[in-house]
Amino acid sequence: MYFICNKIVEDYKEIKAKLYQRVIFKSNGCHIYRRGLINKGRKKKLKYGHITYKKKRYPAYQVSYKAEQSEVVNIPNGYNISHLCHNTMCINKDHLSLEPIAVNNERKKCKKYCLGHQIGYPLCTV
């Protein structure tokens, strides 16, 4: 599993600038980062873009989320960054949400429309 820990915010912003040089902007609001696709887990269809920075590989969506924060954000145990749009290649900060794994797993049930999730977490953008 990939995590960016103990980096200063300026590094995130430098990495994010590099990310956005390779983004396709979709009409649904998704910012698709298609470089460095990697499989995550057993399901081969789930792809996550990654970026290499200073000889280390990072998931693009985590870099995008963390670069928008005012201070370094470490992902707590039991939490994931969820894609509200269900597109694992999307790095749009408005489509990403830090939430418990249980809520993230609930989102997998949303195919054509969002049924809602635990109170306090945003609806999917499907």
Protein backbone atom coordinates (compact mmCIF):
# COMPACT_ATOMS: atom_id res chain seq x y z
CA MET A 1 0.00 0.00 0.00
CA TYR A 2 1.25 3.49 -0.80
CA PHE A 3 1.17 6.40 1.63
CA ILE A 4 2.88 9.75 1.60
CA CYS A 5 4.10 10.48 5.11
CA ASN A 6 6.13 13.24 6.70
CA LYS A 7 6.34 15.40 3.59
CA ILE A 8 6.02 19.15 3.72
CA VAL A 9 3.07 20.79 1.95
CA GLU A 10 5.32 22.46 -0.63
CA ASP A 11 6.45 19.03 -1.86
CA TYR A 12 2.83 18.04 -2.39
CA LYS A 13 2.15 21.17 -4.37
CA GLU A 14 5.25 20.59 -6.52
CA ILE A 15 4.13 17.02 -7.19
CA LYS A 16 0.59 18.18 -7.96
CA ALA A 17 1.89 20.69 -10.51
CA LYS A 18 3.64 17.78 -12.19
CA LEU A 19 0.40 15.75 -12.06
CA TYR A 20 -1.69 18.40 -13.78
CA GLN A 21 0.67 18.49 -16.76
CA ARG A 22 -0.76 15.07 -17.66
CA VAL A 23 -4.48 15.42 -16.94
CA ILE A 24 -7.50 15.05 -19.22
CA PHE A 25 -10.45 17.21 -18.13
CA LYS A 26 -13.83 15.52 -18.62
CA SER A 27 -17.23 17.23 -18.93
CA ASN A 28 -18.47 15.45 -15.77
CA GLY A 29 -15.81 17.24 -13.70
CA CYS A 30 -13.35 14.36 -13.48
CA HIS A 31 -9.65 15.17 -13.88
CA ILE A 32 -8.25 11.96 -15.33
CA TYR A 33 -4.60 11.17 -14.68
CA ARG A 34 -3.69 8.35 -17.05
CA ARG A 35 0.04 8.00 -16.47
CA GLY A 36 1.57 5.15 -14.56
CA LEU A 37 -1.51 2.98 -14.18
CA ILE A 38 -1.14 0.29 -11.55
CA ASN A 39 -3.40 -2.52 -10.40
CA LYS A 40 -4.41 -2.39 -6.76
CA GLY A 41 -5.61 -5.56 -5.12
CA ARG A 42 -6.87 -8.64 -6.89
CA LYS A 43 -9.38 -6.94 -9.17
CA LYS A 44 -7.48 -6.18 -12.36
CA LYS A 45 -10.07 -3.67 -13.54
CA LEU A 46 -9.37 -1.24 -10.67
CA LYS A 47 -6.62 1.05 -11.88
CA TYR A 48 -4.94 3.86 -10.01
CA GLY A 49 -2.60 6.33 -11.66
CA HIS A 50 0.69 6.94 -9.91
CA ILE A 51 3.44 9.48 -10.17
CA THR A 52 7.14 9.15 -9.50
CA TYR A 53 8.76 11.95 -7.51
CA LYS A 54 12.32 11.86 -6.20
CA LYS A 55 12.56 8.17 -7.12
CA LYS A 56 9.45 7.20 -5.14
CA ARG A 57 6.05 6.18 -6.50
CA TYR A 58 2.85 7.74 -5.13
CA PRO A 59 -0.85 7.25 -5.97
CA ALA A 60 -2.00 10.29 -7.94
CA TYR A 61 -5.32 10.67 -6.12
CA GLN A 62 -3.61 10.74 -2.70
CA VAL A 63 -1.15 13.40 -3.88
CA SER A 64 -4.01 15.49 -5.25
CA TYR A 65 -6.03 15.23 -2.03
CA LYS A 66 -3.10 15.97 0.26
CA ALA A 67 -1.84 18.89 -1.83
CA GLU A 68 -5.10 20.74 -1.17
CA GLN A 69 -4.75 20.56 2.60
CA SER A 70 -3.23 23.40 4.60
CA GLU A 71 -1.03 20.97 6.52
CA VAL A 72 0.30 17.48 6.05
CA VAL A 73 -2.50 14.93 6.25
CA ASN A 74 -1.66 11.39 7.21
CA ILE A 75 -4.39 8.87 6.50
CA PRO A 76 -5.50 7.47 9.87
CA ASN A 77 -5.88 3.72 10.32
CA GLY A 78 -9.33 2.62 9.23
CA TYR A 79 -9.74 5.47 6.73
CA ASN A 80 -9.40 5.76 2.95
CA ILE A 81 -9.60 8.51 0.39
CA SER A 82 -12.80 7.70 -1.49
CA HIS A 83 -13.63 8.59 -5.09
CA LEU A 84 -17.12 10.15 -5.00
CA CYS A 85 -17.27 9.83 -8.80
CA HIS A 86 -16.31 6.12 -8.75
CA ASN A 87 -13.50 6.81 -11.23
CA THR A 88 -10.24 5.56 -9.70
CA MET A 89 -8.19 7.60 -12.17
CA CYS A 90 -9.83 10.90 -11.12
CA ILE A 91 -7.68 13.34 -9.13
CA ASN A 92 -10.20 16.20 -8.83
CA LYS A 93 -10.10 17.31 -5.18
CA ASP A 94 -13.88 17.88 -5.25
CA HIS A 95 -14.38 14.20 -6.12
CA LEU A 96 -12.23 12.91 -3.22
CA SER A 97 -13.25 12.44 0.40
CA LEU A 98 -11.39 11.15 3.47
CA GLU A 99 -13.72 8.73 5.23
CA PRO A 100 -13.90 5.42 7.11
CA ILE A 101 -13.32 2.25 5.12
CA ALA A 102 -16.92 1.15 5.84
CA VAL A 103 -18.30 4.27 4.11
CA ASN A 104 -15.87 3.80 1.23
CA ASN A 105 -17.07 0.21 0.83
CA GLU A 106 -20.72 1.37 0.87
CA ARG A 107 -19.96 3.53 -2.15
CA LYS A 108 -19.25 0.42 -4.20
CA LYS A 109 -23.00 -0.27 -4.16
CA CYS A 110 -23.71 2.98 -6.03
CA LYS A 111 -23.79 2.15 -9.73
CA LYS A 112 -26.26 4.47 -11.46
CA TYR A 113 -27.41 6.64 -8.56
CA CYS A 114 -26.38 7.32 -4.98
CA LEU A 115 -28.55 5.93 -2.18
CA GLY A 116 -26.86 8.06 0.47
CA HIS A 117 -24.30 7.13 3.08
CA GLN A 118 -23.61 7.69 6.76
CA ILE A 119 -24.52 11.15 8.01
CA GLY A 120 -21.72 13.64 7.57
CA TYR A 121 -20.27 12.15 4.38
CA PRO A 122 -20.94 13.53 0.90
CA LEU A 123 -23.14 11.85 -1.70
CA CYS A 124 -21.55 10.21 -4.73
CA THR A 125 -21.35 12.33 -7.86
CA VAL A 126 -22.79 9.59 -10.15
